[in-house]
Amino acid sequence: MSSIETVEEVLEKLDLRLPEPAKPVASYIPSVRTGNLVFISGQGPIEDGGYKYIGKVGSDLTLEEGYDAARHVALNCLSVLKQEIGDLKKVKRIVKLLAWVNSAPGFNQQPKVINGASDLLQAVFGENGRHARSAVAANELPFDIPVEIEMVVEVE
């Protein structure tokens, strides 16, 4: 991302847009800011009030669909972040992702699925989008979503 481009302009070049932030589905808030860190609660592949993807990666969904689901979840994380800080130009660095993949028995490509989120964040924020990360298998996720991601971001 050049210094004159907004995150939204970079996303537009990638033929993507920030969705409306999803409403919490339980007793939590979407984000918490403490000092210069923002913690984004676990997000799923919600689009237009519904789930873009449902099921286990490796049986119901292909690796490529899982990658796209993770990419979509990263967009939802950015949407929540924007709601918290007002302008994504305030992002100094994506610090960490914690990601779960609803995995079919024997599926062991969770890092490749979560690359969908990591690749998007690096495309948008460049070197400042590189982050620490965990990609973990889950035998179930809420509402049978294929990917859930939490994000920690350093902001101005």
N, C-alpha and C. Protein backbone atom coordinates (compact mmCIF):
# COMPACT_ATOMS: atom_id res chain seq x y z
N MET A 1 0.85 -1.17 0.00
CA MET A 1 0.00 0.00 0.00
C MET A 1 0.90 1.23 0.00
N SER A 2 0.71 2.11 -0.93
CA SER A 2 1.48 3.35 -0.93
C SER A 2 0.90 4.29 0.11
N SER A 3 1.68 5.29 0.49
CA SER A 3 1.24 6.20 1.55
C SER A 3 0.04 7.04 1.13
N ILE A 4 -0.24 7.13 -0.16
CA ILE A 4 -1.37 7.95 -0.60
C ILE A 4 -2.64 7.12 -0.81
N GLU A 5 -2.53 5.81 -0.82
CA GLU A 5 -3.69 4.96 -1.00
C GLU A 5 -4.34 4.65 0.35
N THR A 6 -5.65 4.63 0.38
CA THR A 6 -6.36 4.16 1.57
C THR A 6 -6.49 2.64 1.48
N VAL A 7 -6.80 2.04 2.61
CA VAL A 7 -7.04 0.59 2.62
C VAL A 7 -8.17 0.26 1.67
N GLU A 8 -9.20 1.08 1.67
CA GLU A 8 -10.34 0.83 0.79
C GLU A 8 -9.93 0.87 -0.68
N GLU A 9 -9.01 1.77 -1.05
CA GLU A 9 -8.52 1.85 -2.43
C GLU A 9 -7.72 0.60 -2.80
N VAL A 10 -6.92 0.13 -1.87
CA VAL A 10 -6.16 -1.10 -2.13
C VAL A 10 -7.13 -2.27 -2.30
N LEU A 11 -8.14 -2.35 -1.42
CA LEU A 11 -9.12 -3.43 -1.53
C LEU A 11 -9.88 -3.35 -2.85
N GLU A 12 -10.21 -2.14 -3.28
CA GLU A 12 -10.91 -1.97 -4.55
C GLU A 12 -10.08 -2.51 -5.71
N LYS A 13 -8.77 -2.26 -5.68
CA LYS A 13 -7.88 -2.80 -6.72
C LYS A 13 -7.88 -4.33 -6.71
N LEU A 14 -8.10 -4.92 -5.53
CA LEU A 14 -8.17 -6.37 -5.39
C LEU A 14 -9.59 -6.90 -5.63
N ASP A 15 -10.50 -5.99 -6.02
CA ASP A 15 -11.91 -6.32 -6.26
C ASP A 15 -12.58 -6.84 -4.98
N LEU A 16 -12.25 -6.19 -3.85
CA LEU A 16 -12.82 -6.54 -2.55
C LEU A 16 -13.36 -5.29 -1.90
N ARG A 17 -14.21 -5.45 -0.88
CA ARG A 17 -14.71 -4.32 -0.11
C ARG A 17 -14.87 -4.75 1.34
N LEU A 18 -14.84 -3.77 2.23
CA LEU A 18 -15.09 -4.04 3.64
C LEU A 18 -16.59 -4.24 3.84
N PRO A 19 -16.98 -5.33 4.46
CA PRO A 19 -18.40 -5.53 4.75
C PRO A 19 -18.81 -4.71 5.97
N GLU A 20 -20.10 -4.66 6.23
CA GLU A 20 -20.58 -4.08 7.49
C GLU A 20 -20.09 -4.98 8.62
N PRO A 21 -19.67 -4.38 9.75
CA PRO A 21 -19.23 -5.23 10.87
C PRO A 21 -20.36 -6.14 11.34
N ALA A 22 -20.02 -7.38 11.61
CA ALA A 22 -21.00 -8.36 12.09
C ALA A 22 -21.37 -8.04 13.53
N LYS A 23 -22.60 -8.29 13.87
CA LYS A 23 -23.07 -8.13 15.25
C LYS A 23 -22.58 -9.34 16.06
N PRO A 24 -22.20 -9.14 17.32
CA PRO A 24 -21.81 -10.28 18.16
C PRO A 24 -22.93 -11.31 18.24
N VAL A 25 -22.57 -12.58 18.27
CA VAL A 25 -23.55 -13.66 18.33
C VAL A 25 -23.71 -14.20 19.75
N ALA A 26 -22.99 -13.61 20.71
CA ALA A 26 -23.06 -14.06 22.11
C ALA A 26 -22.67 -12.88 23.01
N SER A 27 -22.31 -13.17 24.24
CA SER A 27 -22.01 -12.13 25.24
C SER A 27 -20.55 -11.68 25.19
N TYR A 28 -20.24 -10.86 24.21
CA TYR A 28 -18.90 -10.28 24.06
C TYR A 28 -19.03 -9.03 23.22
N ILE A 29 -17.95 -8.27 23.15
CA ILE A 29 -17.93 -7.10 22.27
C ILE A 29 -16.95 -7.39 21.13
N PRO A 30 -17.14 -6.75 19.98
CA PRO A 30 -16.33 -7.07 18.80
C PRO A 30 -14.83 -6.75 18.94
N SER A 31 -14.52 -5.72 19.75
CA SER A 31 -13.12 -5.33 19.88
C SER A 31 -12.90 -4.61 21.20
N VAL A 32 -11.64 -4.64 21.63
CA VAL A 32 -11.22 -3.91 22.83
C VAL A 32 -9.90 -3.24 22.50
N ARG A 33 -9.84 -1.94 22.82
CA ARG A 33 -8.58 -1.21 22.66
C ARG A 33 -8.00 -0.96 24.04
N THR A 34 -6.72 -1.26 24.18
CA THR A 34 -6.00 -0.93 25.40
C THR A 34 -4.65 -0.36 24.96
N GLY A 35 -4.42 0.89 25.30
CA GLY A 35 -3.20 1.56 24.84
C GLY A 35 -3.19 1.62 23.32
N ASN A 36 -2.10 1.14 22.73
CA ASN A 36 -1.99 1.18 21.28
C ASN A 36 -2.29 -0.18 20.63
N LEU A 37 -2.93 -1.07 21.38
CA LEU A 37 -3.30 -2.38 20.83
C LEU A 37 -4.81 -2.52 20.75
N VAL A 38 -5.27 -3.12 19.66
CA VAL A 38 -6.68 -3.46 19.50
C VAL A 38 -6.77 -4.97 19.36
N PHE A 39 -7.64 -5.57 20.17
CA PHE A 39 -7.90 -7.00 20.13
C PHE A 39 -9.26 -7.21 19.48
N ILE A 40 -9.26 -7.91 18.35
CA ILE A 40 -10.51 -8.18 17.61
C ILE A 40 -11.00 -9.56 18.02
N SER A 41 -12.25 -9.63 18.48
CA SER A 41 -12.86 -10.91 18.83
C SER A 41 -12.93 -11.82 17.61
N GLY A 42 -13.03 -13.10 17.85
CA GLY A 42 -13.11 -14.07 16.76
C GLY A 42 -14.21 -13.73 15.77
N GLN A 43 -13.85 -13.70 14.50
CA GLN A 43 -14.78 -13.38 13.42
C GLN A 43 -14.91 -14.61 12.51
N GLY A 44 -16.05 -14.68 11.85
CA GLY A 44 -16.29 -15.75 10.89
C GLY A 44 -16.58 -15.17 9.51
N PRO A 45 -16.87 -16.04 8.55
CA PRO A 45 -17.11 -15.59 7.17
C PRO A 45 -18.54 -15.11 6.96
N ILE A 46 -18.93 -14.07 7.70
CA ILE A 46 -20.29 -13.52 7.58
C ILE A 46 -20.32 -12.54 6.42
N GLU A 47 -21.38 -12.64 5.64
CA GLU A 47 -21.58 -11.72 4.52
C GLU A 47 -23.06 -11.43 4.39
N ASP A 48 -23.41 -10.14 4.39
CA ASP A 48 -24.79 -9.71 4.24
C ASP A 48 -25.73 -10.42 5.23
N GLY A 49 -25.28 -10.55 6.48
CA GLY A 49 -26.10 -11.12 7.53
C GLY A 49 -26.16 -12.64 7.57
N GLY A 50 -25.48 -13.30 6.64
CA GLY A 50 -25.45 -14.77 6.63
C GLY A 50 -24.02 -15.26 6.50
N TYR A 51 -23.86 -16.56 6.45
CA TYR A 51 -22.52 -17.13 6.34
C TYR A 51 -22.19 -17.42 4.88
N LYS A 52 -21.06 -16.91 4.43
CA LYS A 52 -20.62 -17.14 3.05
C LYS A 52 -20.23 -18.60 2.85
N TYR A 53 -19.65 -19.21 3.87
CA TYR A 53 -19.24 -20.62 3.82
C TYR A 53 -19.69 -21.32 5.08
N ILE A 54 -20.03 -22.60 4.93
CA ILE A 54 -20.41 -23.47 6.04
C ILE A 54 -19.74 -24.82 5.80
N GLY A 55 -19.27 -25.44 6.88
CA GLY A 55 -18.77 -26.81 6.79
C GLY A 55 -17.31 -26.96 7.11
N LYS A 56 -16.87 -28.20 7.02
CA LYS A 56 -15.50 -28.57 7.34
C LYS A 56 -14.62 -28.50 6.09
N VAL A 57 -13.45 -27.91 6.27
CA VAL A 57 -12.47 -27.90 5.18
C VAL A 57 -11.87 -29.31 5.10
N GLY A 58 -11.80 -29.82 3.90
CA GLY A 58 -11.29 -31.17 3.69
C GLY A 58 -12.38 -32.19 3.41
N SER A 59 -13.64 -31.80 3.66
CA SER A 59 -14.76 -32.69 3.28
C SER A 59 -15.85 -31.87 2.60
N ASP A 60 -16.42 -30.90 3.30
CA ASP A 60 -17.48 -30.05 2.73
C ASP A 60 -16.91 -28.97 1.82
N LEU A 61 -15.71 -28.49 2.15
CA LEU A 61 -15.07 -27.40 1.41
C LEU A 61 -13.67 -27.82 0.99
N THR A 62 -13.25 -27.31 -0.16
CA THR A 62 -11.89 -27.57 -0.64
C THR A 62 -10.90 -26.65 0.09
N LEU A 63 -9.65 -26.93 -0.06
CA LEU A 63 -8.59 -26.06 0.47
C LEU A 63 -8.76 -24.65 -0.09
N GLU A 64 -9.06 -24.54 -1.37
CA GLU A 64 -9.23 -23.22 -2.01
C GLU A 64 -10.42 -22.47 -1.43
N GLU A 65 -11.52 -23.17 -1.15
CA GLU A 65 -12.67 -22.52 -0.53
C GLU A 65 -12.34 -22.09 0.90
N GLY A 66 -11.57 -22.91 1.60
CA GLY A 66 -11.13 -22.54 2.94
C GLY A 66 -10.25 -21.30 2.91
N TYR A 67 -9.35 -21.23 1.94
CA TYR A 67 -8.49 -20.05 1.75
C TYR A 67 -9.34 -18.81 1.53
N ASP A 68 -10.35 -18.92 0.68
CA ASP A 68 -11.23 -17.78 0.41
C ASP A 68 -12.03 -17.41 1.65
N ALA A 69 -12.47 -18.41 2.42
CA ALA A 69 -13.19 -18.14 3.67
C ALA A 69 -12.29 -17.35 4.63
N ALA A 70 -11.02 -17.76 4.76
CA ALA A 70 -10.08 -17.05 5.63
C ALA A 70 -9.85 -15.62 5.15
N ARG A 71 -9.79 -15.45 3.85
CA ARG A 71 -9.64 -14.11 3.27
C ARG A 71 -10.84 -13.24 3.64
N HIS A 72 -12.02 -13.83 3.55
CA HIS A 72 -13.24 -13.10 3.89
C HIS A 72 -13.28 -12.76 5.38
N VAL A 73 -12.83 -13.69 6.22
CA VAL A 73 -12.79 -13.43 7.66
C VAL A 73 -11.84 -12.27 7.96
N ALA A 74 -10.71 -12.20 7.26
CA ALA A 74 -9.78 -11.08 7.45
C ALA A 74 -10.46 -9.75 7.11
N LEU A 75 -11.27 -9.73 6.07
CA LEU A 75 -12.03 -8.52 5.74
C LEU A 75 -12.98 -8.15 6.88
N ASN A 76 -13.62 -9.15 7.48
CA ASN A 76 -14.51 -8.87 8.61
C ASN A 76 -13.73 -8.33 9.80
N CYS A 77 -12.53 -8.86 10.03
CA CYS A 77 -11.68 -8.34 11.11
C CYS A 77 -11.34 -6.88 10.85
N LEU A 78 -10.99 -6.55 9.61
CA LEU A 78 -10.67 -5.16 9.27
C LEU A 78 -11.88 -4.25 9.42
N SER A 79 -13.05 -4.76 9.13
CA SER A 79 -14.27 -3.99 9.29
C SER A 79 -14.50 -3.64 10.76
N VAL A 80 -14.32 -4.63 11.63
CA VAL A 80 -14.46 -4.39 13.07
C VAL A 80 -13.38 -3.41 13.54
N LEU A 81 -12.17 -3.57 13.03
CA LEU A 81 -11.08 -2.67 13.40
C LEU A 81 -11.40 -1.23 13.00
N LYS A 82 -11.90 -1.06 11.80
CA LYS A 82 -12.27 0.29 11.34
C LYS A 82 -13.34 0.89 12.23
N GLN A 83 -14.30 0.08 12.64
CA GLN A 83 -15.36 0.55 13.53
C GLN A 83 -14.75 1.02 14.86
N GLU A 84 -13.72 0.34 15.32
CA GLU A 84 -13.08 0.67 16.61
C GLU A 84 -12.22 1.93 16.51
N ILE A 85 -11.43 2.07 15.43
CA ILE A 85 -10.44 3.17 15.38
C ILE A 85 -10.82 4.29 14.42
N GLY A 86 -11.83 4.08 13.60
CA GLY A 86 -12.31 5.15 12.73
C GLY A 86 -11.67 5.20 11.35
N ASP A 87 -10.37 5.03 11.27
CA ASP A 87 -9.66 5.13 9.99
C ASP A 87 -8.52 4.11 9.98
N LEU A 88 -8.51 3.26 8.98
CA LEU A 88 -7.49 2.21 8.92
C LEU A 88 -6.09 2.74 8.62
N LYS A 89 -5.98 4.03 8.30
CA LYS A 89 -4.64 4.62 8.16
C LYS A 89 -3.91 4.67 9.50
N LYS A 90 -4.64 4.50 10.59
CA LYS A 90 -4.05 4.50 11.92
C LYS A 90 -3.35 3.18 12.26
N VAL A 91 -3.49 2.17 11.40
CA VAL A 91 -2.86 0.87 11.65
C VAL A 91 -1.35 1.01 11.48
N LYS A 92 -0.62 0.65 12.53
CA LYS A 92 0.84 0.64 12.46
C LYS A 92 1.35 -0.74 12.05
N ARG A 93 0.68 -1.78 12.59
CA ARG A 93 1.15 -3.14 12.29
C ARG A 93 0.07 -4.15 12.68
N ILE A 94 -0.08 -5.16 11.85
CA ILE A 94 -0.86 -6.33 12.24
C ILE A 94 0.10 -7.16 13.08
N VAL A 95 -0.25 -7.41 14.32
CA VAL A 95 0.67 -8.06 15.26
C VAL A 95 0.52 -9.58 15.22
N LYS A 96 -0.72 -10.07 15.35
CA LYS A 96 -0.91 -11.52 15.49
C LYS A 96 -2.30 -11.93 15.05
N LEU A 97 -2.36 -13.12 14.45
CA LEU A 97 -3.62 -13.80 14.17
C LEU A 97 -3.65 -15.10 14.95
N LEU A 98 -4.80 -15.41 15.52
CA LEU A 98 -5.06 -16.73 16.08
C LEU A 98 -6.23 -17.26 15.28
N ALA A 99 -6.02 -18.36 14.59
CA ALA A 99 -7.02 -18.85 13.64
C ALA A 99 -7.32 -20.32 13.85
N TRP A 100 -8.60 -20.64 13.72
CA TRP A 100 -9.05 -22.02 13.82
C TRP A 100 -9.69 -22.41 12.49
N VAL A 101 -9.44 -23.65 12.10
CA VAL A 101 -10.03 -24.20 10.88
C VAL A 101 -10.88 -25.40 11.26
N ASN A 102 -12.16 -25.36 10.93
CA ASN A 102 -13.07 -26.47 11.13
C ASN A 102 -12.64 -27.56 10.15
N SER A 103 -11.95 -28.57 10.68
CA SER A 103 -11.21 -29.52 9.84
C SER A 103 -11.84 -30.90 9.83
N ALA A 104 -11.95 -31.46 8.63
CA ALA A 104 -12.39 -32.85 8.48
C ALA A 104 -11.31 -33.77 9.05
N PRO A 105 -11.68 -34.97 9.50
CA PRO A 105 -10.66 -35.91 9.98
C PRO A 105 -9.58 -36.11 8.92
N GLY A 106 -8.34 -36.05 9.34
CA GLY A 106 -7.22 -36.25 8.43
C GLY A 106 -6.77 -35.00 7.69
N PHE A 107 -7.54 -33.91 7.75
CA PHE A 107 -7.12 -32.68 7.08
C PHE A 107 -6.06 -31.99 7.92
N ASN A 108 -4.90 -31.70 7.31
CA ASN A 108 -3.79 -31.12 8.07
C ASN A 108 -3.14 -29.92 7.37
N GLN A 109 -3.92 -29.21 6.58
CA GLN A 109 -3.39 -28.07 5.82
C GLN A 109 -3.89 -26.73 6.37
N GLN A 110 -4.09 -26.66 7.68
CA GLN A 110 -4.60 -25.44 8.30
C GLN A 110 -3.75 -24.21 7.95
N PRO A 111 -2.40 -24.31 7.96
CA PRO A 111 -1.62 -23.12 7.59
C PRO A 111 -1.93 -22.60 6.19
N LYS A 112 -2.17 -23.50 5.25
CA LYS A 112 -2.49 -23.07 3.88
C LYS A 112 -3.86 -22.40 3.81
N VAL A 113 -4.79 -22.84 4.62
CA VAL A 113 -6.11 -22.20 4.67
C VAL A 113 -5.95 -20.77 5.19
N ILE A 114 -5.25 -20.61 6.28
CA ILE A 114 -5.13 -19.30 6.93
C ILE A 114 -4.24 -18.36 6.13
N ASN A 115 -3.47 -18.89 5.19
CA ASN A 115 -2.74 -18.00 4.27
C ASN A 115 -3.70 -17.05 3.55
N GLY A 116 -4.95 -17.45 3.41
CA GLY A 116 -5.93 -16.55 2.79
C GLY A 116 -6.03 -15.23 3.53
N ALA A 117 -6.02 -15.29 4.85
CA ALA A 117 -6.05 -14.06 5.67
C ALA A 117 -4.69 -13.37 5.64
N SER A 118 -3.64 -14.13 5.85
CA SER A 118 -2.29 -13.54 5.90
C SER A 118 -1.91 -12.87 4.59
N ASP A 119 -2.19 -13.53 3.48
CA ASP A 119 -1.85 -12.96 2.17
C ASP A 119 -2.62 -11.65 1.94
N LEU A 120 -3.89 -11.62 2.34
CA LEU A 120 -4.67 -10.40 2.18
C LEU A 120 -4.10 -9.26 3.02
N LEU A 121 -3.79 -9.53 4.26
CA LEU A 121 -3.26 -8.48 5.15
C LEU A 121 -1.92 -7.95 4.65
N GLN A 122 -1.10 -8.82 4.09
CA GLN A 122 0.18 -8.37 3.53
C GLN A 122 -0.03 -7.57 2.24
N ALA A 123 -1.02 -7.96 1.44
CA ALA A 123 -1.32 -7.20 0.22
C ALA A 123 -1.81 -5.80 0.56
N VAL A 124 -2.56 -5.68 1.65
CA VAL A 124 -3.14 -4.39 2.03
C VAL A 124 -2.14 -3.50 2.77
N PHE A 125 -1.39 -4.08 3.72
CA PHE A 125 -0.52 -3.27 4.57
C PHE A 125 0.96 -3.44 4.28
N GLY A 126 1.30 -4.23 3.27
CA GLY A 126 2.71 -4.43 2.94
C GLY A 126 3.46 -5.08 4.09
N GLU A 127 4.67 -4.65 4.33
CA GLU A 127 5.51 -5.22 5.39
C GLU A 127 4.82 -5.13 6.76
N ASN A 128 4.04 -4.09 6.98
CA ASN A 128 3.33 -3.93 8.26
C ASN A 128 2.16 -4.90 8.40
N GLY A 129 1.84 -5.61 7.34
CA GLY A 129 0.80 -6.63 7.41
C GLY A 129 1.34 -8.01 7.77
N ARG A 130 2.67 -8.15 7.79
CA ARG A 130 3.27 -9.43 8.20
C ARG A 130 3.09 -9.56 9.71
N HIS A 131 2.80 -10.78 10.18
CA HIS A 131 2.38 -10.95 11.56
C HIS A 131 2.78 -12.32 12.10
N ALA A 132 2.78 -12.42 13.41
CA ALA A 132 2.87 -13.72 14.07
C ALA A 132 1.51 -14.40 13.90
N ARG A 133 1.50 -15.75 13.97
CA ARG A 133 0.24 -16.42 13.67
C ARG A 133 0.21 -17.83 14.22
N SER A 134 -0.97 -18.26 14.60
CA SER A 134 -1.23 -19.67 14.90
C SER A 134 -2.39 -20.11 14.02
N ALA A 135 -2.29 -21.31 13.45
CA ALA A 135 -3.35 -21.89 12.63
C ALA A 135 -3.64 -23.28 13.19
N VAL A 136 -4.81 -23.43 13.80
CA VAL A 136 -5.12 -24.60 14.60
C VAL A 136 -6.33 -25.33 14.03
N ALA A 137 -6.29 -26.66 14.08
CA ALA A 137 -7.44 -27.46 13.67
C ALA A 137 -8.48 -27.46 14.78
N ALA A 138 -9.74 -27.43 14.39
CA ALA A 138 -10.86 -27.58 15.32
C ALA A 138 -11.78 -28.66 14.77
N ASN A 139 -12.33 -29.46 15.65
CA ASN A 139 -13.26 -30.48 15.15
C ASN A 139 -14.66 -29.90 14.96
N GLU A 140 -14.94 -28.73 15.56
CA GLU A 140 -16.20 -28.01 15.37
C GLU A 140 -15.93 -26.53 15.61
N LEU A 141 -16.66 -25.68 14.91
CA LEU A 141 -16.66 -24.24 15.18
C LEU A 141 -18.11 -23.78 15.28
N PRO A 142 -18.37 -22.65 15.93
CA PRO A 142 -19.74 -22.18 16.08
C PRO A 142 -20.48 -22.10 14.73
N PHE A 143 -21.71 -22.56 14.74
CA PHE A 143 -22.60 -22.48 13.57
C PHE A 143 -22.03 -23.20 12.35
N ASP A 144 -21.08 -24.09 12.58
CA ASP A 144 -20.44 -24.89 11.53
C ASP A 144 -19.65 -24.05 10.52
N ILE A 145 -19.17 -22.87 10.97
CA ILE A 145 -18.33 -22.05 10.08
C ILE A 145 -17.00 -22.75 9.87
N PRO A 146 -16.35 -22.53 8.72
CA PRO A 146 -15.10 -23.23 8.43
C PRO A 146 -13.86 -22.56 9.05
N VAL A 147 -13.93 -21.26 9.33
CA VAL A 147 -12.76 -20.51 9.81
C VAL A 147 -13.22 -19.47 10.82
N GLU A 148 -12.46 -19.34 11.91
CA GLU A 148 -12.64 -18.25 12.86
C GLU A 148 -11.26 -17.65 13.13
N ILE A 149 -11.19 -16.34 13.15
CA ILE A 149 -9.90 -15.65 13.34
C ILE A 149 -10.04 -14.52 14.34
N GLU A 150 -9.09 -14.46 15.29
CA GLU A 150 -8.91 -13.31 16.17
C GLU A 150 -7.70 -12.54 15.65
N MET A 151 -7.67 -11.24 15.90
CA MET A 151 -6.56 -10.43 15.41
C MET A 151 -6.15 -9.42 16.46
N VAL A 152 -4.83 -9.19 16.57
CA VAL A 152 -4.27 -8.15 17.43
C VAL A 152 -3.55 -7.18 16.52
N VAL A 153 -3.84 -5.87 16.70
CA VAL A 153 -3.32 -4.84 15.82
C VAL A 153 -2.72 -3.70 16.65
N GLU A 154 -1.56 -3.21 16.24
CA GLU A 154 -0.98 -2.02 16.83
C GLU A 154 -1.46 -0.81 16.03
N VAL A 155 -1.94 0.21 16.74
CA VAL A 155 -2.47 1.40 16.09
C VAL A 155 -1.83 2.65 16.68
N GLU A 156 -2.00 3.78 15.96
CA GLU A 156 -1.48 5.06 16.45
C GLU A 156 -2.26 5.51 17.66
